[in-house]
C-alpha atoms as a PDB file:
ATOM      1  CA  MET A   1     -76.251  44.328 -67.750  1.00  0.00           C
ATOM      2  CA  PRO A   2     -75.979  48.048 -67.099  1.00  0.00           C
ATOM      3  CA  LYS A   3     -79.716  48.299 -66.795  1.00  0.00           C
ATOM      4  CA  ARG A   4     -79.820  45.499 -64.026  1.00  0.00           C
ATOM      5  CA  TRP A   5     -76.856  47.328 -62.314  1.00  0.00           C
ATOM      6  CA  CYS A   6     -78.862  50.601 -62.320  1.00  0.00           C
ATOM      7  CA  ARG A   7     -81.946  48.881 -60.876  1.00  0.00           C
ATOM      8  CA  GLY A   8     -79.788  47.514 -58.005  1.00  0.00           C
ATOM      9  CA  CYS A   9     -78.301  50.958 -57.405  1.00  0.00           C
ATOM     10  CA  ARG A  10     -81.952  52.398 -57.141  1.00  0.00           C
ATOM     11  CA  ILE A  11     -83.014  49.735 -54.635  1.00  0.00           C
ATOM     12  CA  ALA A  12     -79.926  50.203 -52.701  1.00  0.00           C
ATOM     13  CA  ALA A  13     -80.431  54.011 -52.763  1.00  0.00           C
ATOM     14  CA  LEU A  14     -83.914  53.444 -51.367  1.00  0.00           C
ATOM     15  CA  VAL A  15     -82.930  50.747 -48.735  1.00  0.00           C
ATOM     16  CA  LEU A  16     -79.813  52.195 -47.227  1.00  0.00           C
ATOM     17  CA  PRO A  17     -81.462  55.431 -45.908  1.00  0.00           C
ATOM     18  CA  LEU A  18     -84.032  53.116 -44.252  1.00  0.00           C
ATOM     19  CA  PHE A  19     -81.262  51.266 -42.282  1.00  0.00           C
ATOM     20  CA  GLY A  20     -79.898  54.745 -41.075  1.00  0.00           C
ATOM     21  CA  ILE A  21     -83.335  55.783 -40.024  1.00  0.00           C
ATOM     22  CA  ALA A  22     -83.793  52.457 -38.153  1.00  0.00           C
ATOM     23  CA  GLY A  23     -80.548  52.871 -36.354  1.00  0.00           C
ATOM     24  CA  LEU A  24     -81.421  56.310 -35.305  1.00  0.00           C
ATOM     25  CA  LEU A  25     -84.758  55.246 -33.901  1.00  0.00           C
ATOM     26  CA  MET A  26     -82.932  52.424 -31.984  1.00  0.00           C
ATOM     27  CA  VAL A  27     -80.493  54.944 -30.427  1.00  0.00           C
ATOM     28  CA  ALA A  28     -83.357  57.298 -29.620  1.00  0.00           C
ATOM     29  CA  LYS A  29     -85.290  54.430 -27.943  1.00  0.00           C
ATOM     30  CA  GLU A  30     -82.269  53.437 -25.855  1.00  0.00           C
ATOM     31  CA  HIS A  31     -81.602  56.948 -24.757  1.00  0.00           C
ATOM     32  CA  TYR A  32     -85.393  57.339 -23.679  1.00  0.00           C
ATOM     33  CA  MET A  33     -85.307  53.925 -21.939  1.00  0.00           C
ATOM     34  CA  GLU A  34     -82.107  55.149 -19.921  1.00  0.00           C
ATOM     35  CA  GLN A  35     -84.052  58.116 -18.903  1.00  0.00           C
ATOM     36  CA  GLN A  36     -86.944  56.212 -17.981  1.00  0.00           C
ATOM     37  CA  ASN A  37     -85.001  53.489 -15.904  1.00  0.00           C
ATOM     38  CA  SER A  38     -83.265  55.985 -13.951  1.00  0.00           C
ATOM     39  CA  PRO A  39     -84.773  56.539 -10.442  1.00  0.00           C
ATOM     40  CA  PHE A  40     -83.906  60.237 -10.854  1.00  0.00           C
ATOM     41  CA  ALA A  41     -86.014  60.707 -13.910  1.00  0.00           C
ATOM     42  CA  GLY A  42     -87.935  63.990 -13.428  1.00  0.00           C
ATOM     43  CA  THR A  43     -85.501  65.584 -11.197  1.00  0.00           C
ATOM     44  CA  ASP A  44     -82.975  68.167 -11.971  1.00  0.00           C
ATOM     45  CA  ILE A  45     -80.098  65.700 -11.341  1.00  0.00           C
ATOM     46  CA  LEU A  46     -80.872  63.202 -14.045  1.00  0.00           C
ATOM     47  CA  SER A  47     -77.614  64.066 -15.839  1.00  0.00           C
ATOM     48  CA  LEU A  48     -75.716  63.657 -12.673  1.00  0.00           C
ATOM     49  CA  SER A  49     -77.285  60.216 -12.056  1.00  0.00           C
ATOM     50  CA  GLN A  50     -76.319  59.055 -15.512  1.00  0.00           C
ATOM     51  CA  ALA A  51     -72.757  60.232 -14.913  1.00  0.00           C
ATOM     52  CA  VAL A  52     -72.881  58.101 -11.792  1.00  0.00           C
ATOM     53  CA  ALA A  53     -74.219  55.212 -13.675  1.00  0.00           C
ATOM     54  CA  GLU A  54     -71.747  55.504 -16.381  1.00  0.00           C
ATOM     55  CA  ASP A  55     -68.808  55.804 -13.847  1.00  0.00           C
ATOM     56  CA  ASP A  56     -67.967  59.240 -15.529  1.00  0.00           C
ATOM     57  CA  VAL A  57     -65.811  60.624 -12.678  1.00  0.00           C
ATOM     58  CA  TRP A  58     -65.114  63.911 -14.467  1.00  0.00           C
ATOM     59  CA  GLN A  59     -68.719  64.719 -14.997  1.00  0.00           C
ATOM     60  CA  ILE A  60     -69.561  63.847 -11.270  1.00  0.00           C
ATOM     61  CA  SER A  61     -66.760  66.252 -10.103  1.00  0.00           C
ATOM     62  CA  GLN A  62     -68.325  69.012 -12.318  1.00  0.00           C
ATOM     63  CA  GLN A  63     -72.020  68.483 -11.326  1.00  0.00           C
ATOM     64  CA  ALA A  64     -71.941  67.117  -7.857  1.00  0.00           C
ATOM     65  CA  THR A  65     -72.757  69.835  -5.222  1.00  0.00           C
ATOM     66  CA  ALA A  66     -73.744  69.432  -1.621  1.00  0.00           C
ATOM     67  CA  VAL A  67     -77.366  70.456  -2.571  1.00  0.00           C
ATOM     68  CA  ARG A  68     -77.641  68.215  -5.699  1.00  0.00           C
ATOM     69  CA  GLN A  69     -76.312  65.332  -3.693  1.00  0.00           C
ATOM     70  CA  HIS A  70     -79.246  65.719  -1.143  1.00  0.00           C
ATOM     71  CA  VAL A  71     -81.832  65.138  -3.908  1.00  0.00           C
ATOM     72  CA  ARG A  72     -83.422  61.671  -3.752  1.00  0.00           C
ATOM     73  CA  GLY A  73     -84.860  59.626  -6.594  1.00  0.00           C
ATOM     74  CA  ASP A  74     -87.647  57.112  -6.508  1.00  0.00           C
ATOM     75  CA  LEU A  75     -87.954  54.992  -3.406  1.00  0.00           C
ATOM     76  CA  GLN A  76     -85.983  57.917  -1.565  1.00  0.00           C
ATOM     77  CA  ILE A  77     -82.679  56.491  -3.370  1.00  0.00           C
ATOM     78  CA  THR A  78     -79.569  58.656  -2.738  1.00  0.00           C
ATOM     79  CA  LEU A  79     -76.913  59.205  -5.413  1.00  0.00           C
ATOM     80  CA  LEU A  80     -74.326  57.309  -3.298  1.00  0.00           C
ATOM     81  CA  GLN A  81     -76.750  54.247  -2.887  1.00  0.00           C
ATOM     82  CA  TRP A  82     -77.351  54.432  -6.810  1.00  0.00           C
ATOM     83  CA  ALA A  83     -73.640  54.369  -7.440  1.00  0.00           C
ATOM     84  CA  ILE A  84     -73.286  51.225  -5.049  1.00  0.00           C
ATOM     85  CA  LEU A  85     -76.256  49.428  -6.535  1.00  0.00           C
ATOM     86  CA  GLN A  86     -74.983  50.146 -10.067  1.00  0.00           C
ATOM     87  CA  GLN A  87     -71.621  48.863  -8.835  1.00  0.00           C
ATOM     88  CA  ARG A  88     -69.648  51.762  -9.973  1.00  0.00           C
ATOM     89  CA  PRO A  89     -66.509  52.193  -7.626  1.00  0.00           C
ATOM     90  CA  GLY A  90     -65.186  55.250  -9.273  1.00  0.00           C
ATOM     91  CA  SER A  91     -68.591  57.008  -8.951  1.00  0.00           C
ATOM     92  CA  VAL A  92     -68.671  56.110  -5.158  1.00  0.00           C
ATOM     93  CA  GLN A  93     -65.270  57.608  -4.774  1.00  0.00           C
ATOM     94  CA  ALA A  94     -66.111  60.733  -6.798  1.00  0.00           C
ATOM     95  CA  LEU A  95     -69.304  61.221  -4.766  1.00  0.00           C
ATOM     96  CA  ILE A  96     -67.477  60.878  -1.359  1.00  0.00           C
ATOM     97  CA  GLN A  97     -64.659  63.424  -2.567  1.00  0.00           C
ATOM     98  CA  ALA A  98     -67.385  65.775  -3.642  1.00  0.00           C
ATOM     99  CA  GLY A  99     -68.842  65.598  -0.050  1.00  0.00           C
ATOM    100  CA  ALA A 100     -71.387  62.954  -0.183  1.00  0.00           C
ATOM    101  CA  ASP A 101     -73.153  62.461   3.162  1.00  0.00           C
ATOM    102  CA  ILE A 102     -72.518  58.907   3.971  1.00  0.00           C
ATOM    103  CA  GLY A 103     -75.142  58.887   6.738  1.00  0.00           C
ATOM    104  CA  GLN A 104     -77.894  60.540   4.597  1.00  0.00           C
ATOM    105  CA  PRO A 105     -81.073  58.216   4.939  1.00  0.00           C
ATOM    106  CA  GLY A 106     -82.263  56.819   1.640  1.00  0.00           C
ATOM    107  CA  MET A 107     -83.967  53.884   0.532  1.00  0.00           C
ATOM    108  CA  GLU A 108     -86.132  52.328   3.504  1.00  0.00           C
ATOM    109  CA  GLY A 109     -84.398  54.724   5.763  1.00  0.00           C
ATOM    110  CA  ASN A 110     -81.130  53.081   5.298  1.00  0.00           C
ATOM    111  CA  GLY A 111     -77.850  54.892   4.418  1.00  0.00           C
ATOM    112  CA  ALA A 112     -75.131  54.153   2.005  1.00  0.00           C
ATOM    113  CA  LEU A 113     -73.360  51.776   4.530  1.00  0.00           C
ATOM    114  CA  HIS A 114     -76.451  49.572   4.701  1.00  0.00           C
ATOM    115  CA  THR A 115     -76.633  49.411   0.899  1.00  0.00           C
ATOM    116  CA  ALA A 116     -72.838  48.629   0.706  1.00  0.00           C
ATOM    117  CA  ALA A 117     -73.269  45.752   3.170  1.00  0.00           C
ATOM    118  CA  MET A 118     -76.141  44.297   1.056  1.00  0.00           C
ATOM    119  CA  VAL A 119     -74.048  44.189  -2.256  1.00  0.00           C
ATOM    120  CA  LYS A 120     -71.761  41.143  -2.861  1.00  0.00           C
ATOM    121  CA  ASP A 121     -68.599  43.267  -3.247  1.00  0.00           C
ATOM    122  CA  ALA A 122     -66.719  44.417  -0.240  1.00  0.00           C
ATOM    123  CA  GLN A 123     -65.012  47.169  -1.967  1.00  0.00           C
ATOM    124  CA  TYR A 124     -67.931  49.458  -1.411  1.00  0.00           C
ATOM    125  CA  LEU A 125     -68.062  48.945   2.284  1.00  0.00           C
ATOM    126  CA  ARG A 126     -64.314  49.501   2.360  1.00  0.00           C
ATOM    127  CA  LEU A 127     -64.579  52.887   0.378  1.00  0.00           C
ATOM    128  CA  LEU A 128     -67.195  54.067   2.730  1.00  0.00           C
ATOM    129  CA  LEU A 129     -65.405  52.821   6.029  1.00  0.00           C
ATOM    130  CA  GLN A 130     -62.203  54.716   4.852  1.00  0.00           C
ATOM    131  CA  GLN A 131     -64.441  57.904   5.643  1.00  0.00           C
ATOM    132  CA  ALA A 132     -64.703  56.577   9.348  1.00  0.00           C
ATOM    133  CA  PRO A 133     -63.735  60.022  10.866  1.00  0.00           C
ATOM    134  CA  ARG A 134     -66.398  61.761   9.005  1.00  0.00           C
ATOM    135  CA  LEU A 135     -68.812  59.102   9.706  1.00  0.00           C
ATOM    136  CA  ILE A 136     -68.148  59.202  13.510  1.00  0.00           C
ATOM    137  CA  CYS A 137     -68.883  62.953  13.326  1.00  0.00           C
ATOM    138  CA  VAL A 138     -72.211  62.298  11.666  1.00  0.00           C
ATOM    139  CA  ILE A 139     -73.080  59.585  14.112  1.00  0.00           C
ATOM    140  CA  TRP A 140     -71.987  61.755  17.100  1.00  0.00           C
ATOM    141  CA  SER A 141     -74.165  64.636  15.808  1.00  0.00           C
ATOM    142  CA  LEU A 142     -77.192  62.453  15.552  1.00  0.00           C
ATOM    143  CA  VAL A 143     -76.632  61.211  19.126  1.00  0.00           C
ATOM    144  CA  LEU A 144     -76.266  64.846  20.510  1.00  0.00           C
ATOM    145  CA  ARG A 145     -79.705  65.620  18.739  1.00  0.00           C
ATOM    146  CA  HIS A 146     -81.493  63.095  20.967  1.00  0.00           C
END
């Protein structure tokens, strides 16, 4: 009986580390896929875009600067549009508080209001419309340019 038990221990000692390695590989692959799926992959705001996708308000407040918020990802998407499409209301609010430009053109030349109007949750449109005084200033400045 002890010989049989020892053989089982040896097998377990060989198999258990394989499960650990397989788990680490799956985590690494998931992390890689997250980076590849972000429209901001290859930009210096990848970590900020991940914070937006995860609704990590604290990280957004630490990383979001006016300059970084003007960086666009694939298809010209803005961080504010990314937050709306990911359906992350906390991220939308945090970006607005950090000074996100609601009128910044993004995907297909549309701004965040257009994106918010397309999603099926009205809370994003409400969050943006609460910024109406800022939005009016943006629109007025655009009118004065022409």
